[in-house]
Amino acid sequence: MRFEPTDIDGLFVVDLMLHEDSRGHFARTYCEREFAAAGIPFRPVQANVSLNKHKGTLRGLHYQKAPHDEAKLMRCVRGAIHLAAIDIRPLSLTFRTVVAIRLDADEHRQLYFPEGVVNGFQTLDDDSEVLYLMSEFYEPKAVAGFRYDDPSFAIEWPLEVTEISDRDLALPNFTPGSP
């Protein structure tokens, strides 16, 4: 794996190193030793998958509040997504920085989110599927988030939002001290 830093402290693009032959390819998607060697203390305890039937579907912006905050490793395994990450750690040098990246199943890239970085994504293809590895167990009482169209983040989603949950539409806008 190759770890590429982004404009958010601790947020990395993780490129898979493919081993190819006549059968196809093989790649390691996670290795605790490789993450540790890159300075990333990530130990997943849960894996989730999200299938999104329609292009334009938006999920997010989501995170879990302390003491259940979570790091995530996300990969698009079918289709393509536009993923947005926002640093909401008040003491971070990259506080309120937004990073957007396209993840495409054919590109074999992942995105690692440290604790305190909110994420959301929009599907760019029908039947897009996203795999998440999480460092913390899901805790319903700790679930939080912000509106996808919050003007303080000014995220430029590439498509019209065709589907979004009522829960995500009801999320508040960010205000200092929110997390």
C-alpha atoms as a PDB file:
ATOM      1  CA  MET A   1       0.000   0.000   0.000  1.00  0.00           C
ATOM      2  CA  ARG A   2       1.069   3.555  -0.654  1.00  0.00           C
ATOM      3  CA  PHE A   3      -0.117   6.305   1.717  1.00  0.00           C
ATOM      4  CA  GLU A   4      -0.592   9.786   0.245  1.00  0.00           C
ATOM      5  CA  PRO A   5      -1.305  12.655   2.661  1.00  0.00           C
ATOM      6  CA  THR A   6      -4.072  15.141   1.873  1.00  0.00           C
ATOM      7  CA  ASP A   7      -4.769  18.724   2.963  1.00  0.00           C
ATOM      8  CA  ILE A   8      -6.380  17.397   6.168  1.00  0.00           C
ATOM      9  CA  ASP A   9      -3.954  16.278   8.866  1.00  0.00           C
ATOM     10  CA  GLY A  10      -4.196  12.493   9.232  1.00  0.00           C
ATOM     11  CA  LEU A  11      -6.440  11.961   6.176  1.00  0.00           C
ATOM     12  CA  PHE A  12      -4.716   9.694   3.649  1.00  0.00           C
ATOM     13  CA  VAL A  13      -5.417   8.345   0.205  1.00  0.00           C
ATOM     14  CA  VAL A  14      -4.352   4.703   0.322  1.00  0.00           C
ATOM     15  CA  ASP A  15      -3.402   3.251  -3.047  1.00  0.00           C
ATOM     16  CA  LEU A  16      -3.471  -0.514  -3.324  1.00  0.00           C
ATOM     17  CA  MET A  17      -0.450  -2.243  -4.805  1.00  0.00           C
ATOM     18  CA  LEU A  18      -1.797  -4.757  -7.302  1.00  0.00           C
ATOM     19  CA  HIS A  19      -0.043  -8.045  -7.973  1.00  0.00           C
ATOM     20  CA  GLU A  20      -1.250  -9.030 -11.429  1.00  0.00           C
ATOM     21  CA  ASP A  21      -0.978 -12.157 -13.520  1.00  0.00           C
ATOM     22  CA  SER A  22      -3.052 -14.010 -16.102  1.00  0.00           C
ATOM     23  CA  ARG A  23      -5.737 -14.778 -13.489  1.00  0.00           C
ATOM     24  CA  GLY A  24      -6.334 -11.138 -12.558  1.00  0.00           C
ATOM     25  CA  HIS A  25      -4.914  -9.342  -9.542  1.00  0.00           C
ATOM     26  CA  PHE A  26      -4.453  -9.562  -5.788  1.00  0.00           C
ATOM     27  CA  ALA A  27      -4.046  -6.652  -3.376  1.00  0.00           C
ATOM     28  CA  ARG A  28      -3.926  -6.194   0.354  1.00  0.00           C
ATOM     29  CA  THR A  29      -6.572  -3.643   1.429  1.00  0.00           C
ATOM     30  CA  TYR A  30      -5.542  -3.473   5.077  1.00  0.00           C
ATOM     31  CA  CYS A  31      -2.502  -4.492   7.104  1.00  0.00           C
ATOM     32  CA  GLU A  32      -2.053  -3.243  10.655  1.00  0.00           C
ATOM     33  CA  ARG A  33       1.747  -3.341  10.282  1.00  0.00           C
ATOM     34  CA  GLU A  34       1.739  -1.271   7.088  1.00  0.00           C
ATOM     35  CA  PHE A  35      -0.623   1.285   8.607  1.00  0.00           C
ATOM     36  CA  ALA A  36       1.544   1.489  11.754  1.00  0.00           C
ATOM     37  CA  ALA A  37       4.696   1.936   9.626  1.00  0.00           C
ATOM     38  CA  ALA A  38       2.928   4.902   7.975  1.00  0.00           C
ATOM     39  CA  GLY A  39       2.180   6.360  11.434  1.00  0.00           C
ATOM     40  CA  ILE A  40      -1.504   5.417  11.367  1.00  0.00           C
ATOM     41  CA  PRO A  41      -2.702   3.565  14.484  1.00  0.00           C
ATOM     42  CA  PHE A  42      -5.778   1.919  12.954  1.00  0.00           C
ATOM     43  CA  ARG A  43      -7.356  -1.285  14.222  1.00  0.00           C
ATOM     44  CA  PRO A  44     -10.798  -2.003  12.739  1.00  0.00           C
ATOM     45  CA  VAL A  45     -13.474  -3.645  14.867  1.00  0.00           C
ATOM     46  CA  GLN A  46     -16.378  -3.510  12.415  1.00  0.00           C
ATOM     47  CA  ALA A  47     -16.943  -3.615   8.654  1.00  0.00           C
ATOM     48  CA  ASN A  48     -19.954  -2.144   6.857  1.00  0.00           C
ATOM     49  CA  VAL A  49     -21.148  -2.040   3.281  1.00  0.00           C
ATOM     50  CA  SER A  50     -23.448   0.495   1.623  1.00  0.00           C
ATOM     51  CA  LEU A  51     -25.215  -0.266  -1.662  1.00  0.00           C
ATOM     52  CA  ASN A  52     -26.667   2.770  -3.391  1.00  0.00           C
ATOM     53  CA  LYS A  53     -29.081   1.970  -6.195  1.00  0.00           C
ATOM     54  CA  HIS A  54     -29.219   5.336  -7.920  1.00  0.00           C
ATOM     55  CA  LYS A  55     -26.696   7.803  -9.294  1.00  0.00           C
ATOM     56  CA  GLY A  56     -26.933  11.093  -7.372  1.00  0.00           C
ATOM     57  CA  THR A  57     -27.704   9.481  -3.987  1.00  0.00           C
ATOM     58  CA  LEU A  58     -26.128  11.414  -1.127  1.00  0.00           C
ATOM     59  CA  ARG A  59     -25.153  10.011   2.286  1.00  0.00           C
ATOM     60  CA  GLY A  60     -23.819  12.240   5.026  1.00  0.00           C
ATOM     61  CA  LEU A  61     -22.224  14.202   6.474  1.00  0.00           C
ATOM     62  CA  HIS A  62     -21.698  11.703   9.329  1.00  0.00           C
ATOM     63  CA  TYR A  63     -19.512  10.981  12.350  1.00  0.00           C
ATOM     64  CA  GLN A  64     -19.756   9.573  15.881  1.00  0.00           C
ATOM     65  CA  LYS A  65     -19.234  11.810  18.915  1.00  0.00           C
ATOM     66  CA  ALA A  66     -16.720  11.074  21.671  1.00  0.00           C
ATOM     67  CA  PRO A  67     -16.154   8.791  23.409  1.00  0.00           C
ATOM     68  CA  HIS A  68     -17.271   6.701  20.423  1.00  0.00           C
ATOM     69  CA  ASP A  69     -15.491   8.690  17.708  1.00  0.00           C
ATOM     70  CA  GLU A  70     -14.204   6.484  14.951  1.00  0.00           C
ATOM     71  CA  ALA A  71     -11.530   6.273  12.337  1.00  0.00           C
ATOM     72  CA  LYS A  72     -12.625   4.822   8.975  1.00  0.00           C
ATOM     73  CA  LEU A  73     -11.124   3.248   5.914  1.00  0.00           C
ATOM     74  CA  MET A  74     -13.475   3.569   2.935  1.00  0.00           C
ATOM     75  CA  ARG A  75     -13.268   1.993  -0.491  1.00  0.00           C
ATOM     76  CA  CYS A  76     -15.686   2.048  -3.416  1.00  0.00           C
ATOM     77  CA  VAL A  77     -15.911  -1.584  -4.543  1.00  0.00           C
ATOM     78  CA  ARG A  78     -18.459  -1.059  -7.336  1.00  0.00           C
ATOM     79  CA  GLY A  79     -19.233   2.066  -9.329  1.00  0.00           C
ATOM     80  CA  ALA A  80     -17.890   5.466  -8.301  1.00  0.00           C
ATOM     81  CA  ILE A  81     -18.467   8.077  -5.601  1.00  0.00           C
ATOM     82  CA  HIS A  82     -17.547  11.688  -4.874  1.00  0.00           C
ATOM     83  CA  LEU A  83     -16.406  11.679  -1.256  1.00  0.00           C
ATOM     84  CA  ALA A  84     -16.089  14.760   0.962  1.00  0.00           C
ATOM     85  CA  ALA A  85     -14.150  14.952   4.234  1.00  0.00           C
ATOM     86  CA  ILE A  86     -14.217  17.845   6.728  1.00  0.00           C
ATOM     87  CA  ASP A  87     -11.912  18.273   9.712  1.00  0.00           C
ATOM     88  CA  ILE A  88     -14.051  19.237  12.740  1.00  0.00           C
ATOM     89  CA  ARG A  89     -11.273  18.875  15.346  1.00  0.00           C
ATOM     90  CA  PRO A  90     -11.151  22.348  16.940  1.00  0.00           C
ATOM     91  CA  LEU A  91      -7.461  22.068  17.892  1.00  0.00           C
ATOM     92  CA  SER A  92      -6.353  20.756  14.493  1.00  0.00           C
ATOM     93  CA  LEU A  93      -4.222  22.936  12.221  1.00  0.00           C
ATOM     94  CA  THR A  94      -6.537  21.857   9.394  1.00  0.00           C
ATOM     95  CA  PHE A  95      -9.787  22.620  11.285  1.00  0.00           C
ATOM     96  CA  ARG A  96     -12.707  23.172   8.857  1.00  0.00           C
ATOM     97  CA  THR A  97     -10.624  22.137   5.840  1.00  0.00           C
ATOM     98  CA  VAL A  98     -12.638  20.288   3.210  1.00  0.00           C
ATOM     99  CA  VAL A  99     -11.121  17.632   0.939  1.00  0.00           C
ATOM    100  CA  ALA A 100     -13.069  16.060  -1.918  1.00  0.00           C
ATOM    101  CA  ILE A 101     -11.939  13.012  -3.847  1.00  0.00           C
ATOM    102  CA  ARG A 102     -13.398  10.627  -6.382  1.00  0.00           C
ATOM    103  CA  LEU A 103     -13.212   6.955  -5.470  1.00  0.00           C
ATOM    104  CA  ASP A 104     -13.777   4.582  -8.347  1.00  0.00           C
ATOM    105  CA  ALA A 105     -13.857   0.790  -8.049  1.00  0.00           C
ATOM    106  CA  ASP A 106     -11.497   0.498 -11.022  1.00  0.00           C
ATOM    107  CA  GLU A 107      -8.833   2.772  -9.493  1.00  0.00           C
ATOM    108  CA  HIS A 108      -8.160   0.646  -6.381  1.00  0.00           C
ATOM    109  CA  ARG A 109      -7.901   3.586  -3.978  1.00  0.00           C
ATOM    110  CA  GLN A 110      -9.160   3.961  -0.438  1.00  0.00           C
ATOM    111  CA  LEU A 111      -9.489   6.898   1.922  1.00  0.00           C
ATOM    112  CA  TYR A 112      -8.445   6.722   5.572  1.00  0.00           C
ATOM    113  CA  PHE A 113     -10.270   9.124   7.927  1.00  0.00           C
ATOM    114  CA  PRO A 114      -8.870   9.821  11.391  1.00  0.00           C
ATOM    115  CA  GLU A 115     -11.205  10.398  14.307  1.00  0.00           C
ATOM    116  CA  GLY A 116     -12.805  13.840  14.152  1.00  0.00           C
ATOM    117  CA  VAL A 117     -13.089  13.995  10.374  1.00  0.00           C
ATOM    118  CA  VAL A 118     -16.667  14.002   9.076  1.00  0.00           C
ATOM    119  CA  ASN A 119     -17.512  12.306   5.803  1.00  0.00           C
ATOM    120  CA  GLY A 120     -20.230  12.146   3.202  1.00  0.00           C
ATOM    121  CA  PHE A 121     -20.457  10.911  -0.350  1.00  0.00           C
ATOM    122  CA  GLN A 122     -22.532  11.131  -3.499  1.00  0.00           C
ATOM    123  CA  THR A 123     -22.845   8.259  -5.960  1.00  0.00           C
ATOM    124  CA  LEU A 124     -21.684   8.916  -9.504  1.00  0.00           C
ATOM    125  CA  ASP A 125     -23.003   5.623 -10.919  1.00  0.00           C
ATOM    126  CA  ASP A 126     -26.067   3.471 -10.334  1.00  0.00           C
ATOM    127  CA  ASP A 127     -25.459   0.520  -8.005  1.00  0.00           C
ATOM    128  CA  SER A 128     -22.381   2.025  -6.355  1.00  0.00           C
ATOM    129  CA  GLU A 129     -21.183   0.049  -3.360  1.00  0.00           C
ATOM    130  CA  VAL A 130     -18.916   1.293  -0.565  1.00  0.00           C
ATOM    131  CA  LEU A 131     -17.035  -0.809   1.976  1.00  0.00           C
ATOM    132  CA  TYR A 132     -16.079   0.723   5.344  1.00  0.00           C
ATOM    133  CA  LEU A 133     -13.734  -0.561   8.034  1.00  0.00           C
ATOM    134  CA  MET A 134     -14.402   1.136  11.381  1.00  0.00           C
ATOM    135  CA  SER A 135     -12.218   1.538  14.481  1.00  0.00           C
ATOM    136  CA  GLU A 136     -15.223   1.781  16.794  1.00  0.00           C
ATOM    137  CA  PHE A 137     -18.482  -0.096  17.143  1.00  0.00           C
ATOM    138  CA  TYR A 138     -21.660   1.617  15.970  1.00  0.00           C
ATOM    139  CA  GLU A 139     -23.243   3.506  18.866  1.00  0.00           C
ATOM    140  CA  PRO A 140     -26.674   4.967  17.973  1.00  0.00           C
ATOM    141  CA  LYS A 141     -26.538   7.568  20.779  1.00  0.00           C
ATOM    142  CA  ALA A 142     -23.226   8.925  19.434  1.00  0.00           C
ATOM    143  CA  VAL A 143     -24.317   9.330  15.796  1.00  0.00           C
ATOM    144  CA  ALA A 144     -24.103  12.926  14.615  1.00  0.00           C
ATOM    145  CA  GLY A 145     -23.590  14.943  11.471  1.00  0.00           C
ATOM    146  CA  PHE A 146     -24.120  18.106   9.509  1.00  0.00           C
ATOM    147  CA  ARG A 147     -26.160  19.037   6.452  1.00  0.00           C
ATOM    148  CA  TYR A 148     -24.651  18.116   3.112  1.00  0.00           C
ATOM    149  CA  ASP A 149     -25.321  21.648   1.829  1.00  0.00           C
ATOM    150  CA  ASP A 150     -24.020  23.531   4.886  1.00  0.00           C
ATOM    151  CA  PRO A 151     -22.777  26.902   3.569  1.00  0.00           C
ATOM    152  CA  SER A 152     -19.873  26.959   6.033  1.00  0.00           C
ATOM    153  CA  PHE A 153     -18.336  23.972   4.196  1.00  0.00           C
ATOM    154  CA  ALA A 154     -19.391  24.968   0.635  1.00  0.00           C
ATOM    155  CA  ILE A 155     -19.001  21.434  -0.710  1.00  0.00           C
ATOM    156  CA  GLU A 156     -19.512  21.272  -4.460  1.00  0.00           C
ATOM    157  CA  TRP A 157     -21.374  18.047  -5.116  1.00  0.00           C
ATOM    158  CA  PRO A 158     -20.916  17.065  -8.781  1.00  0.00           C
ATOM    159  CA  LEU A 159     -24.526  16.013  -9.444  1.00  0.00           C
ATOM    160  CA  GLU A 160     -28.011  17.054  -8.468  1.00  0.00           C
ATOM    161  CA  VAL A 161     -28.970  15.237  -5.258  1.00  0.00           C
ATOM    162  CA  THR A 162     -31.565  12.694  -6.397  1.00  0.00           C
ATOM    163  CA  GLU A 163     -31.931  10.743  -3.144  1.00  0.00           C
ATOM    164  CA  ILE A 164     -31.158  11.568   0.473  1.00  0.00           C
ATOM    165  CA  SER A 165     -32.633  10.247   3.711  1.00  0.00           C
ATOM    166  CA  ASP A 166     -35.006  12.278   5.868  1.00  0.00           C
ATOM    167  CA  ARG A 167     -32.514  11.808   8.706  1.00  0.00           C
ATOM    168  CA  ASP A 168     -29.720  13.415   6.659  1.00  0.00           C
ATOM    169  CA  LEU A 169     -32.008  16.281   5.600  1.00  0.00           C
ATOM    170  CA  ALA A 170     -32.774  16.936   9.278  1.00  0.00           C
ATOM    171  CA  LEU A 171     -29.093  17.274  10.262  1.00  0.00           C
ATOM    172  CA  PRO A 172     -28.073  20.725  11.549  1.00  0.00           C
ATOM    173  CA  ASN A 173     -25.602  23.131  10.018  1.00  0.00           C
ATOM    174  CA  PHE A 174     -22.168  23.318  11.630  1.00  0.00           C
ATOM    175  CA  THR A 175     -21.611  25.882  14.363  1.00  0.00           C
ATOM    176  CA  PRO A 176     -18.383  26.355  16.321  1.00  0.00           C
ATOM    177  CA  GLY A 177     -18.465  24.023  19.298  1.00  0.00           C
ATOM    178  CA  SER A 178     -20.860  21.610  17.487  1.00  0.00           C
ATOM    179  CA  PRO A 179     -18.797  18.435  17.824  1.00  0.00           C
END
